[in-house]
């Protein structure tokens, strides 16, 4: 059996958290996550706009029965392709940025919360309710005001 002295020479006591969250200095993880979350917000707004346009065109003009030429005659249909292309572009940019987020170390509570917000946004409650609720719970443990500050991400529209 190892004595305390022998054990200390073998095992170094460190916190399981690698960073000192009490320090106030720039946090690269928070910055990268903010960029990702801004794009994600833009994606959600564009997707909502696209859905409204598509619903209108289905209801008013029988969208799926129209040829491309007939569809081109409707001014309301013009933004669909533009929105779709922009959504693809934002998705690709965020996909690339996700790798940087995974590799960045959160050095503040805000950085850690930001990384959890990204995870929360990626785990939709309809796809994995238990994991979504777990991440949300952890986020609220870290930042008790999270439900009011991040309402759009914590409570996505249905």
N, C-alpha and C. Protein backbone atom coordinates (compact mmCIF):
# COMPACT_ATOMS: atom_id res chain seq x y z
N UNK A 1 0.84 -1.18 0.00
CA UNK A 1 0.00 0.00 0.00
C UNK A 1 0.88 1.24 0.00
N UNK A 2 0.51 2.21 -0.78
CA UNK A 2 1.30 3.43 -0.89
C UNK A 2 1.01 4.37 0.27
N UNK A 3 2.04 4.96 0.80
CA UNK A 3 1.83 5.99 1.81
C UNK A 3 1.43 7.28 1.11
N UNK A 4 0.95 8.27 1.88
CA UNK A 4 0.54 9.54 1.29
C UNK A 4 1.69 10.20 0.56
N UNK A 5 2.89 10.13 1.14
CA UNK A 5 4.05 10.76 0.53
C UNK A 5 4.38 10.12 -0.81
N UNK A 6 4.35 8.79 -0.84
CA UNK A 6 4.63 8.09 -2.09
C UNK A 6 3.54 8.39 -3.13
N UNK A 7 2.28 8.42 -2.69
CA UNK A 7 1.17 8.68 -3.60
C UNK A 7 1.29 10.06 -4.22
N UNK A 8 1.66 11.05 -3.40
CA UNK A 8 1.79 12.42 -3.92
C UNK A 8 2.87 12.53 -4.98
N UNK A 9 3.90 11.74 -4.86
CA UNK A 9 4.95 11.80 -5.87
C UNK A 9 4.49 11.18 -7.19
N UNK A 10 3.49 10.30 -7.13
CA UNK A 10 2.98 9.65 -8.34
C UNK A 10 1.81 10.44 -8.93
N UNK A 11 0.87 10.80 -8.08
CA UNK A 11 -0.35 11.46 -8.55
C UNK A 11 -0.30 12.94 -8.25
N UNK A 12 -0.53 13.71 -9.26
CA UNK A 12 -0.55 15.15 -9.11
C UNK A 12 -2.01 15.57 -8.90
N UNK A 13 -2.26 16.31 -7.84
CA UNK A 13 -3.62 16.75 -7.57
C UNK A 13 -3.96 17.92 -8.49
N UNK A 14 -4.96 17.70 -9.34
CA UNK A 14 -5.43 18.78 -10.20
C UNK A 14 -6.95 18.72 -10.23
N UNK A 15 -7.52 19.82 -10.53
CA UNK A 15 -8.96 19.89 -10.68
C UNK A 15 -9.34 19.20 -11.98
N UNK A 16 -10.51 18.57 -12.02
CA UNK A 16 -10.95 17.98 -13.29
C UNK A 16 -11.22 19.04 -14.35
N UNK A 17 -11.40 20.29 -13.94
CA UNK A 17 -11.59 21.38 -14.88
C UNK A 17 -10.23 22.00 -15.14
N UNK A 18 -9.83 22.05 -16.42
CA UNK A 18 -8.48 22.49 -16.77
C UNK A 18 -8.29 23.98 -16.67
N UNK A 19 -9.36 24.74 -16.69
CA UNK A 19 -9.24 26.18 -16.73
C UNK A 19 -9.70 26.81 -15.43
N UNK A 20 -9.20 28.00 -15.14
CA UNK A 20 -9.64 28.75 -13.98
C UNK A 20 -10.77 29.67 -14.41
N UNK A 21 -12.01 29.27 -14.10
CA UNK A 21 -13.17 30.02 -14.57
C UNK A 21 -13.35 31.34 -13.84
N UNK A 22 -12.59 31.56 -12.79
CA UNK A 22 -12.76 32.81 -12.05
C UNK A 22 -11.96 33.95 -12.68
N UNK A 23 -11.02 33.65 -13.54
CA UNK A 23 -10.22 34.70 -14.19
C UNK A 23 -11.08 35.44 -15.20
N UNK A 24 -10.83 36.73 -15.30
CA UNK A 24 -11.55 37.48 -16.33
C UNK A 24 -10.56 37.88 -17.41
N UNK A 25 -10.60 37.16 -18.49
CA UNK A 25 -9.77 37.43 -19.65
C UNK A 25 -10.50 36.93 -20.88
N UNK A 26 -10.10 37.35 -22.05
CA UNK A 26 -10.80 36.92 -23.26
C UNK A 26 -10.86 35.39 -23.36
N UNK A 27 -11.97 34.92 -23.78
CA UNK A 27 -12.19 33.48 -23.91
C UNK A 27 -12.44 33.17 -25.38
N UNK A 28 -11.49 32.48 -26.02
CA UNK A 28 -11.61 32.15 -27.43
C UNK A 28 -12.85 31.30 -27.70
N UNK A 29 -13.16 30.38 -26.79
CA UNK A 29 -14.33 29.53 -26.98
C UNK A 29 -15.60 30.38 -27.04
N UNK A 30 -15.71 31.36 -26.17
CA UNK A 30 -16.89 32.23 -26.16
C UNK A 30 -17.01 32.99 -27.47
N UNK A 31 -15.88 33.46 -27.97
CA UNK A 31 -15.90 34.23 -29.23
C UNK A 31 -16.33 33.35 -30.41
N UNK A 32 -15.76 32.18 -30.50
CA UNK A 32 -16.09 31.27 -31.61
C UNK A 32 -17.55 30.82 -31.50
N UNK A 33 -17.98 30.53 -30.28
CA UNK A 33 -19.37 30.11 -30.09
C UNK A 33 -20.34 31.23 -30.43
N UNK A 34 -19.99 32.46 -30.08
CA UNK A 34 -20.85 33.60 -30.41
C UNK A 34 -21.04 33.70 -31.92
N UNK A 35 -19.97 33.50 -32.66
CA UNK A 35 -20.06 33.52 -34.12
C UNK A 35 -20.99 32.40 -34.61
N UNK A 36 -20.81 31.20 -34.07
CA UNK A 36 -21.64 30.06 -34.45
C UNK A 36 -23.10 30.33 -34.11
N UNK A 37 -23.34 30.82 -32.89
CA UNK A 37 -24.71 31.06 -32.44
C UNK A 37 -25.40 32.16 -33.25
N UNK A 38 -24.64 33.18 -33.64
CA UNK A 38 -25.21 34.23 -34.50
C UNK A 38 -25.66 33.65 -35.84
N UNK A 39 -24.81 32.82 -36.43
CA UNK A 39 -25.18 32.19 -37.71
C UNK A 39 -26.36 31.26 -37.53
N UNK A 40 -26.36 30.53 -36.43
CA UNK A 40 -27.47 29.61 -36.15
C UNK A 40 -28.78 30.39 -36.03
N UNK A 41 -28.74 31.52 -35.38
CA UNK A 41 -29.92 32.38 -35.25
C UNK A 41 -30.38 32.85 -36.64
N UNK A 42 -29.43 33.24 -37.47
CA UNK A 42 -29.76 33.65 -38.84
C UNK A 42 -30.40 32.50 -39.61
N UNK A 43 -29.85 31.29 -39.43
CA UNK A 43 -30.41 30.11 -40.09
C UNK A 43 -31.86 29.89 -39.67
N UNK A 44 -32.11 30.00 -38.38
CA UNK A 44 -33.48 29.78 -37.88
C UNK A 44 -34.45 30.80 -38.46
N UNK A 45 -34.03 32.06 -38.52
CA UNK A 45 -34.88 33.11 -39.07
C UNK A 45 -35.14 32.87 -40.56
N UNK A 46 -34.10 32.52 -41.29
CA UNK A 46 -34.26 32.25 -42.72
C UNK A 46 -35.15 31.02 -42.96
N UNK A 47 -34.96 29.99 -42.17
CA UNK A 47 -35.77 28.78 -42.33
C UNK A 47 -37.24 29.08 -42.04
N UNK A 48 -37.49 29.91 -41.05
CA UNK A 48 -38.86 30.30 -40.74
C UNK A 48 -39.47 31.10 -41.89
N UNK A 49 -38.68 32.00 -42.46
CA UNK A 49 -39.15 32.79 -43.60
C UNK A 49 -39.44 31.89 -44.81
N UNK A 50 -38.55 30.94 -45.06
CA UNK A 50 -38.71 30.00 -46.16
C UNK A 50 -39.99 29.18 -45.98
N UNK A 51 -40.22 28.72 -44.74
CA UNK A 51 -41.42 27.92 -44.46
C UNK A 51 -42.70 28.72 -44.69
N UNK A 52 -42.68 29.99 -44.29
CA UNK A 52 -43.85 30.84 -44.50
C UNK A 52 -44.13 31.05 -45.98
N UNK A 53 -43.06 31.32 -46.73
CA UNK A 53 -43.23 31.49 -48.18
C UNK A 53 -43.75 30.22 -48.83
N UNK A 54 -43.14 29.10 -48.46
CA UNK A 54 -43.56 27.83 -49.05
C UNK A 54 -45.01 27.53 -48.70
N UNK A 55 -45.41 27.76 -47.46
CA UNK A 55 -46.80 27.52 -47.06
C UNK A 55 -47.76 28.41 -47.84
N UNK A 56 -47.39 29.66 -48.00
CA UNK A 56 -48.22 30.59 -48.78
C UNK A 56 -48.37 30.09 -50.21
N UNK A 57 -47.26 29.70 -50.82
CA UNK A 57 -47.30 29.25 -52.22
C UNK A 57 -48.08 27.94 -52.35
N UNK A 58 -48.00 27.07 -51.37
CA UNK A 58 -48.78 25.83 -51.42
C UNK A 58 -50.27 26.13 -51.30
N UNK A 59 -50.59 27.01 -50.38
CA UNK A 59 -51.99 27.35 -50.11
C UNK A 59 -52.62 28.14 -51.26
N UNK A 60 -51.89 29.13 -51.76
CA UNK A 60 -52.47 30.05 -52.74
C UNK A 60 -52.25 29.64 -54.20
N UNK A 61 -51.19 28.89 -54.47
CA UNK A 61 -50.84 28.61 -55.87
C UNK A 61 -50.54 27.14 -56.16
N UNK A 62 -50.85 26.26 -55.23
CA UNK A 62 -50.63 24.84 -55.43
C UNK A 62 -49.17 24.57 -55.86
N UNK A 63 -48.24 24.99 -55.05
CA UNK A 63 -46.81 25.01 -55.33
C UNK A 63 -46.28 23.75 -56.01
N UNK A 64 -46.62 22.59 -55.51
CA UNK A 64 -46.00 21.36 -56.01
C UNK A 64 -46.58 20.90 -57.35
N UNK A 65 -47.62 21.55 -57.80
CA UNK A 65 -48.18 21.22 -59.11
C UNK A 65 -47.65 22.14 -60.20
N UNK A 66 -46.85 23.14 -59.82
CA UNK A 66 -46.34 24.11 -60.79
C UNK A 66 -45.02 23.65 -61.40
N UNK A 67 -44.86 23.95 -62.69
CA UNK A 67 -43.57 23.70 -63.33
C UNK A 67 -42.61 24.81 -62.90
N UNK A 68 -41.33 24.65 -63.20
CA UNK A 68 -40.36 25.69 -62.86
C UNK A 68 -40.70 27.00 -63.56
N UNK A 69 -41.16 26.92 -64.80
CA UNK A 69 -41.53 28.12 -65.55
C UNK A 69 -42.73 28.82 -64.90
N UNK A 70 -43.73 28.04 -64.52
CA UNK A 70 -44.91 28.61 -63.87
C UNK A 70 -44.54 29.22 -62.52
N UNK A 71 -43.69 28.54 -61.79
CA UNK A 71 -43.25 29.03 -60.49
C UNK A 71 -42.49 30.35 -60.63
N UNK A 72 -41.72 30.46 -61.69
CA UNK A 72 -40.95 31.69 -61.93
C UNK A 72 -41.85 32.90 -62.17
N UNK A 73 -43.09 32.66 -62.56
CA UNK A 73 -44.02 33.76 -62.80
C UNK A 73 -44.51 34.42 -61.51
N UNK A 74 -44.35 33.73 -60.39
CA UNK A 74 -44.82 34.27 -59.12
C UNK A 74 -43.68 35.00 -58.40
N UNK A 75 -43.88 36.26 -58.15
CA UNK A 75 -42.87 37.08 -57.48
C UNK A 75 -42.55 36.52 -56.09
N UNK A 76 -43.56 36.00 -55.43
CA UNK A 76 -43.37 35.47 -54.07
C UNK A 76 -42.41 34.28 -54.03
N UNK A 77 -42.26 33.57 -55.14
CA UNK A 77 -41.41 32.38 -55.18
C UNK A 77 -39.93 32.71 -55.36
N UNK A 78 -39.64 33.91 -55.86
CA UNK A 78 -38.25 34.28 -56.14
C UNK A 78 -37.31 34.13 -54.95
N UNK A 79 -37.72 34.52 -53.74
CA UNK A 79 -36.78 34.42 -52.61
C UNK A 79 -36.47 32.98 -52.17
N UNK A 80 -37.27 32.01 -52.58
CA UNK A 80 -37.04 30.64 -52.11
C UNK A 80 -35.64 30.13 -52.43
N UNK A 81 -35.21 30.30 -53.66
CA UNK A 81 -33.88 29.82 -54.04
C UNK A 81 -32.78 30.61 -53.34
N UNK A 82 -32.98 31.91 -53.20
CA UNK A 82 -31.99 32.75 -52.53
C UNK A 82 -31.85 32.33 -51.06
N UNK A 83 -33.00 32.12 -50.42
CA UNK A 83 -32.99 31.70 -49.01
C UNK A 83 -32.35 30.32 -48.88
N UNK A 84 -32.72 29.42 -49.77
CA UNK A 84 -32.16 28.07 -49.72
C UNK A 84 -30.65 28.08 -49.89
N UNK A 85 -30.16 28.87 -50.83
CA UNK A 85 -28.71 28.97 -51.04
C UNK A 85 -28.01 29.54 -49.82
N UNK A 86 -28.61 30.57 -49.21
CA UNK A 86 -28.01 31.19 -48.02
C UNK A 86 -28.02 30.22 -46.84
N UNK A 87 -29.08 29.45 -46.71
CA UNK A 87 -29.12 28.43 -45.65
C UNK A 87 -28.00 27.40 -45.82
N UNK A 88 -27.79 26.96 -47.05
CA UNK A 88 -26.71 26.01 -47.33
C UNK A 88 -25.35 26.62 -46.98
N UNK A 89 -25.18 27.89 -47.33
CA UNK A 89 -23.93 28.59 -47.06
C UNK A 89 -23.68 28.71 -45.55
N UNK A 90 -24.70 29.12 -44.81
CA UNK A 90 -24.56 29.26 -43.35
C UNK A 90 -24.30 27.91 -42.69
N UNK A 91 -24.99 26.88 -43.18
CA UNK A 91 -24.79 25.53 -42.64
C UNK A 91 -23.34 25.10 -42.81
N UNK A 92 -22.79 25.31 -43.98
CA UNK A 92 -21.41 24.90 -44.25
C UNK A 92 -20.43 25.69 -43.40
N UNK A 93 -20.64 26.99 -43.26
CA UNK A 93 -19.76 27.80 -42.42
C UNK A 93 -19.80 27.33 -40.96
N UNK A 94 -20.98 27.04 -40.45
CA UNK A 94 -21.09 26.57 -39.07
C UNK A 94 -20.54 25.16 -38.90
N UNK A 95 -20.66 24.33 -39.93
CA UNK A 95 -20.10 22.98 -39.85
C UNK A 95 -18.59 23.06 -39.67
N UNK A 96 -17.95 23.96 -40.42
CA UNK A 96 -16.50 24.14 -40.30
C UNK A 96 -16.14 24.74 -38.95
N UNK A 97 -16.93 25.68 -38.48
CA UNK A 97 -16.66 26.35 -37.21
C UNK A 97 -16.84 25.40 -36.02
N UNK A 98 -17.67 24.40 -36.17
CA UNK A 98 -17.91 23.44 -35.09
C UNK A 98 -16.62 22.74 -34.67
N UNK A 99 -15.76 22.44 -35.63
CA UNK A 99 -14.47 21.83 -35.31
C UNK A 99 -13.61 22.73 -34.44
N UNK A 100 -13.64 24.02 -34.73
CA UNK A 100 -12.88 24.99 -33.92
C UNK A 100 -13.45 25.08 -32.51
N UNK A 101 -14.76 24.99 -32.40
CA UNK A 101 -15.40 25.04 -31.08
C UNK A 101 -14.97 23.84 -30.26
N UNK A 102 -14.98 22.67 -30.87
CA UNK A 102 -14.59 21.45 -30.16
C UNK A 102 -13.16 21.49 -29.67
N UNK A 103 -12.30 22.15 -30.42
CA UNK A 103 -10.88 22.21 -30.06
C UNK A 103 -10.55 23.36 -29.12
N UNK A 104 -11.47 24.31 -28.96
CA UNK A 104 -11.18 25.48 -28.12
C UNK A 104 -11.46 25.15 -26.65
N UNK A 105 -10.64 25.71 -25.79
CA UNK A 105 -10.81 25.53 -24.35
C UNK A 105 -11.57 26.73 -23.79
N UNK A 106 -12.64 26.44 -23.07
CA UNK A 106 -13.39 27.51 -22.40
C UNK A 106 -12.60 27.88 -21.14
N UNK A 107 -12.29 29.15 -21.01
CA UNK A 107 -11.52 29.61 -19.85
C UNK A 107 -12.34 30.48 -18.90
N UNK A 108 -13.63 30.67 -19.24
CA UNK A 108 -14.53 31.43 -18.39
C UNK A 108 -15.86 30.69 -18.32
N UNK A 109 -16.67 31.08 -17.36
CA UNK A 109 -18.01 30.50 -17.25
C UNK A 109 -18.81 30.82 -18.50
N UNK A 110 -18.64 32.03 -19.02
CA UNK A 110 -19.34 32.42 -20.24
C UNK A 110 -18.93 31.53 -21.42
N UNK A 111 -17.66 31.22 -21.52
CA UNK A 111 -17.19 30.34 -22.59
C UNK A 111 -17.78 28.95 -22.47
N UNK A 112 -17.81 28.44 -21.25
CA UNK A 112 -18.40 27.12 -21.01
C UNK A 112 -19.89 27.13 -21.34
N UNK A 113 -20.59 28.16 -20.90
CA UNK A 113 -22.02 28.29 -21.20
C UNK A 113 -22.25 28.39 -22.71
N UNK A 114 -21.38 29.11 -23.38
CA UNK A 114 -21.51 29.25 -24.84
C UNK A 114 -21.35 27.91 -25.55
N UNK A 115 -20.39 27.11 -25.10
CA UNK A 115 -20.20 25.79 -25.71
C UNK A 115 -21.43 24.92 -25.46
N UNK A 116 -22.00 25.02 -24.26
CA UNK A 116 -23.21 24.25 -23.97
C UNK A 116 -24.40 24.74 -24.80
N UNK A 117 -24.47 26.04 -25.07
CA UNK A 117 -25.54 26.56 -25.93
C UNK A 117 -25.43 25.99 -27.34
N UNK A 118 -24.21 25.87 -27.84
CA UNK A 118 -24.01 25.27 -29.17
C UNK A 118 -24.48 23.82 -29.14
N UNK A 119 -24.08 23.08 -28.10
CA UNK A 119 -24.51 21.68 -27.99
C UNK A 119 -26.03 21.60 -27.90
N UNK A 120 -26.62 22.49 -27.13
CA UNK A 120 -28.07 22.51 -26.97
C UNK A 120 -28.77 22.78 -28.30
N UNK A 121 -28.22 23.70 -29.07
CA UNK A 121 -28.80 24.01 -30.38
C UNK A 121 -28.70 22.82 -31.34
N UNK A 122 -27.66 22.02 -31.18
CA UNK A 122 -27.45 20.88 -32.07
C UNK A 122 -28.30 19.66 -31.69
N UNK A 123 -28.72 19.59 -30.43
CA UNK A 123 -29.53 18.47 -29.96
C UNK A 123 -30.97 18.96 -29.83
N UNK A 124 -31.74 18.79 -30.88
CA UNK A 124 -33.13 19.26 -30.88
C UNK A 124 -33.96 18.38 -29.95
N UNK A 125 -34.86 18.99 -29.18
CA UNK A 125 -35.63 18.20 -28.21
C UNK A 125 -36.50 17.12 -28.85
N UNK A 126 -36.92 17.31 -30.09
CA UNK A 126 -37.73 16.28 -30.76
C UNK A 126 -36.89 15.07 -31.15
N UNK A 127 -35.59 15.27 -31.30
CA UNK A 127 -34.71 14.17 -31.72
C UNK A 127 -34.13 13.41 -30.53
N UNK A 128 -33.82 14.11 -29.44
CA UNK A 128 -33.27 13.46 -28.26
C UNK A 128 -33.62 14.29 -27.03
N UNK A 129 -34.82 14.10 -26.57
CA UNK A 129 -35.36 14.92 -25.48
C UNK A 129 -34.52 14.83 -24.21
N UNK A 130 -34.08 13.62 -23.85
CA UNK A 130 -33.35 13.43 -22.60
C UNK A 130 -32.01 14.18 -22.62
N UNK A 131 -31.29 14.07 -23.72
CA UNK A 131 -29.99 14.76 -23.82
C UNK A 131 -30.21 16.27 -23.86
N UNK A 132 -31.22 16.72 -24.59
CA UNK A 132 -31.52 18.15 -24.65
C UNK A 132 -31.81 18.68 -23.24
N UNK A 133 -32.63 17.96 -22.49
CA UNK A 133 -32.97 18.39 -21.13
C UNK A 133 -31.75 18.36 -20.21
N UNK A 134 -30.88 17.37 -20.39
CA UNK A 134 -29.67 17.28 -19.58
C UNK A 134 -28.76 18.48 -19.84
N UNK A 135 -28.51 18.79 -21.09
CA UNK A 135 -27.65 19.93 -21.42
C UNK A 135 -28.28 21.23 -20.90
N UNK A 136 -29.56 21.34 -21.08
CA UNK A 136 -30.26 22.53 -20.59
C UNK A 136 -30.14 22.66 -19.07
N UNK A 137 -30.26 21.55 -18.37
CA UNK A 137 -30.13 21.54 -16.91
C UNK A 137 -28.73 21.95 -16.48
N UNK A 138 -27.71 21.43 -17.16
CA UNK A 138 -26.33 21.79 -16.84
C UNK A 138 -26.12 23.28 -17.08
N UNK A 139 -26.62 23.76 -18.19
CA UNK A 139 -26.49 25.18 -18.52
C UNK A 139 -27.15 26.05 -17.44
N UNK A 140 -28.32 25.64 -17.00
CA UNK A 140 -29.02 26.40 -15.96
C UNK A 140 -28.31 26.30 -14.61
N UNK A 141 -27.62 25.18 -14.35
CA UNK A 141 -26.81 25.06 -13.12
C UNK A 141 -25.66 26.05 -13.15
N UNK A 142 -25.05 26.20 -14.30
CA UNK A 142 -23.90 27.09 -14.44
C UNK A 142 -24.35 28.55 -14.46
N UNK A 143 -25.43 28.81 -15.20
CA UNK A 143 -25.90 30.17 -15.39
C UNK A 143 -27.41 30.21 -15.09
N UNK A 144 -27.79 30.47 -13.84
CA UNK A 144 -29.21 30.40 -13.45
C UNK A 144 -30.14 31.29 -14.27
N UNK A 145 -29.63 32.37 -14.84
CA UNK A 145 -30.48 33.25 -15.65
C UNK A 145 -30.60 32.77 -17.10
N UNK A 146 -30.04 31.63 -17.41
CA UNK A 146 -30.02 31.14 -18.79
C UNK A 146 -31.41 31.07 -19.43
N UNK A 147 -32.45 30.62 -18.74
CA UNK A 147 -33.76 30.55 -19.41
C UNK A 147 -34.25 31.89 -19.95
N UNK A 148 -33.94 32.98 -19.29
CA UNK A 148 -34.40 34.28 -19.80
C UNK A 148 -33.42 34.87 -20.80
N UNK A 149 -32.13 34.67 -20.58
CA UNK A 149 -31.11 35.23 -21.47
C UNK A 149 -31.11 34.54 -22.83
N UNK A 150 -31.23 33.22 -22.82
CA UNK A 150 -31.10 32.42 -24.04
C UNK A 150 -32.41 31.74 -24.42
N UNK A 151 -33.51 32.42 -24.22
CA UNK A 151 -34.83 31.83 -24.44
C UNK A 151 -34.99 31.23 -25.83
N UNK A 152 -34.47 31.88 -26.86
CA UNK A 152 -34.64 31.38 -28.23
C UNK A 152 -33.96 30.06 -28.48
N UNK A 153 -32.83 29.83 -27.81
CA UNK A 153 -32.12 28.57 -28.01
C UNK A 153 -32.66 27.49 -27.06
N UNK A 154 -32.96 27.88 -25.83
CA UNK A 154 -33.46 26.92 -24.87
C UNK A 154 -34.88 26.45 -25.21
N UNK A 155 -35.66 27.32 -25.82
CA UNK A 155 -37.03 27.00 -26.17
C UNK A 155 -37.25 27.23 -27.66
N UNK A 156 -36.75 26.32 -28.52
CA UNK A 156 -36.87 26.54 -29.95
C UNK A 156 -38.33 26.51 -30.39
N UNK A 157 -38.66 27.32 -31.41
CA UNK A 157 -40.03 27.33 -31.91
C UNK A 157 -40.38 25.97 -32.53
N UNK A 158 -41.64 25.60 -32.43
CA UNK A 158 -42.07 24.30 -32.98
C UNK A 158 -42.70 24.46 -34.33
